[in-house]
C-alpha atoms as a PDB file:
ATOM      1  CA  UNK A   1       0.000   0.000   0.000  1.00  0.00           C
ATOM      2  CA  UNK A   2       1.372   3.400  -0.994  1.00  0.00           C
ATOM      3  CA  UNK A   3       1.445   6.086   1.709  1.00  0.00           C
ATOM      4  CA  UNK A   4       1.328   9.803   0.961  1.00  0.00           C
ATOM      5  CA  UNK A   5       2.381  12.159   3.755  1.00  0.00           C
ATOM      6  CA  UNK A   6       0.533  15.395   2.982  1.00  0.00           C
ATOM      7  CA  UNK A   7       0.771  16.804   6.514  1.00  0.00           C
ATOM      8  CA  UNK A   8       1.824  20.438   6.519  1.00  0.00           C
ATOM      9  CA  UNK A   9       0.577  21.108   2.984  1.00  0.00           C
ATOM     10  CA  UNK A  10      -2.355  23.399   2.283  1.00  0.00           C
ATOM     11  CA  UNK A  11      -4.989  22.639  -0.319  1.00  0.00           C
ATOM     12  CA  UNK A  12      -4.986  21.924  -3.146  1.00  0.00           C
ATOM     13  CA  UNK A  13      -1.592  20.197  -2.686  1.00  0.00           C
ATOM     14  CA  UNK A  14      -2.906  17.163  -0.674  1.00  0.00           C
ATOM     15  CA  UNK A  15      -5.510  16.503  -3.402  1.00  0.00           C
ATOM     16  CA  UNK A  16      -2.881  16.757  -6.154  1.00  0.00           C
ATOM     17  CA  UNK A  17      -0.594  14.395  -4.220  1.00  0.00           C
ATOM     18  CA  UNK A  18      -3.544  12.011  -3.824  1.00  0.00           C
ATOM     19  CA  UNK A  19      -4.397  12.151  -7.541  1.00  0.00           C
ATOM     20  CA  UNK A  20      -0.800  11.286  -8.436  1.00  0.00           C
ATOM     21  CA  UNK A  21      -0.709   8.372  -5.984  1.00  0.00           C
ATOM     22  CA  UNK A  22      -4.025   6.953  -7.244  1.00  0.00           C
ATOM     23  CA  UNK A  23      -2.624   6.944 -10.795  1.00  0.00           C
ATOM     24  CA  UNK A  24       0.019   4.488  -9.534  1.00  0.00           C
ATOM     25  CA  UNK A  25      -2.630   2.137  -8.134  1.00  0.00           C
ATOM     26  CA  UNK A  26      -4.807   1.419  -5.137  1.00  0.00           C
ATOM     27  CA  UNK A  27      -5.063   1.166  -2.179  1.00  0.00           C
ATOM     28  CA  UNK A  28      -3.505   4.450  -1.040  1.00  0.00           C
ATOM     29  CA  UNK A  29      -3.107   5.840   2.471  1.00  0.00           C
ATOM     30  CA  UNK A  30      -2.920   9.619   2.859  1.00  0.00           C
ATOM     31  CA  UNK A  31      -1.855  11.394   6.034  1.00  0.00           C
ATOM     32  CA  UNK A  32      -3.187  14.933   6.569  1.00  0.00           C
ATOM     33  CA  UNK A  33      -3.293  17.296   9.528  1.00  0.00           C
ATOM     34  CA  UNK A  34      -6.749  18.894   9.304  1.00  0.00           C
ATOM     35  CA  UNK A  35     -10.318  18.228   8.231  1.00  0.00           C
ATOM     36  CA  UNK A  36     -10.113  20.527   5.185  1.00  0.00           C
ATOM     37  CA  UNK A  37      -8.040  18.106   3.086  1.00  0.00           C
ATOM     38  CA  UNK A  38     -10.146  15.198   4.397  1.00  0.00           C
ATOM     39  CA  UNK A  39     -13.233  16.885   2.937  1.00  0.00           C
ATOM     40  CA  UNK A  40     -11.486  17.776  -0.332  1.00  0.00           C
ATOM     41  CA  UNK A  41     -10.059  14.268  -0.782  1.00  0.00           C
ATOM     42  CA  UNK A  42     -13.524  12.883   0.026  1.00  0.00           C
ATOM     43  CA  UNK A  43     -14.946  14.922  -2.878  1.00  0.00           C
ATOM     44  CA  UNK A  44     -12.170  13.654  -5.167  1.00  0.00           C
ATOM     45  CA  UNK A  45     -12.861  10.052  -4.102  1.00  0.00           C
ATOM     46  CA  UNK A  46     -16.584  10.456  -4.684  1.00  0.00           C
ATOM     47  CA  UNK A  47     -16.022  11.893  -8.163  1.00  0.00           C
ATOM     48  CA  UNK A  48     -13.764   8.946  -9.050  1.00  0.00           C
ATOM     49  CA  UNK A  49     -16.058   6.310  -7.530  1.00  0.00           C
ATOM     50  CA  UNK A  50     -13.466   5.305  -4.921  1.00  0.00           C
ATOM     51  CA  UNK A  51     -14.208   3.934  -1.475  1.00  0.00           C
ATOM     52  CA  UNK A  52     -12.829   6.198   1.253  1.00  0.00           C
ATOM     53  CA  UNK A  53     -12.465   5.811   4.992  1.00  0.00           C
ATOM     54  CA  UNK A  54     -10.540   7.855   7.526  1.00  0.00           C
ATOM     55  CA  UNK A  55      -9.554   7.754  11.165  1.00  0.00           C
ATOM     56  CA  UNK A  56      -8.057  10.303  13.518  1.00  0.00           C
ATOM     57  CA  UNK A  57      -4.643   9.330  14.890  1.00  0.00           C
ATOM     58  CA  UNK A  58      -3.549   9.721  18.502  1.00  0.00           C
ATOM     59  CA  UNK A  59      -1.477  12.731  17.377  1.00  0.00           C
ATOM     60  CA  UNK A  60      -4.576  14.510  16.014  1.00  0.00           C
ATOM     61  CA  UNK A  61      -3.764  13.878  12.345  1.00  0.00           C
ATOM     62  CA  UNK A  62      -6.026  11.995   9.946  1.00  0.00           C
ATOM     63  CA  UNK A  63      -5.278   8.788   8.069  1.00  0.00           C
ATOM     64  CA  UNK A  64      -7.315   8.413   4.891  1.00  0.00           C
ATOM     65  CA  UNK A  65      -7.525   5.141   2.983  1.00  0.00           C
ATOM     66  CA  UNK A  66      -8.710   5.049  -0.640  1.00  0.00           C
ATOM     67  CA  UNK A  67      -9.664   1.777  -2.293  1.00  0.00           C
END
């Protein structure tokens, strides 16, 4: 599984990083540090027909999984 660390980047960079990772294949895990990229990546996933789930880490970041 490919992991993209998009923590510290502001949108649209996490979405662009996600798009590039998805081109290489699924599943993909994306790490982000706020809800804004979670929402934006959720929209991207919905538009592409991908299954998305996310969890909040103990550090307060978010781990998104696209399948």
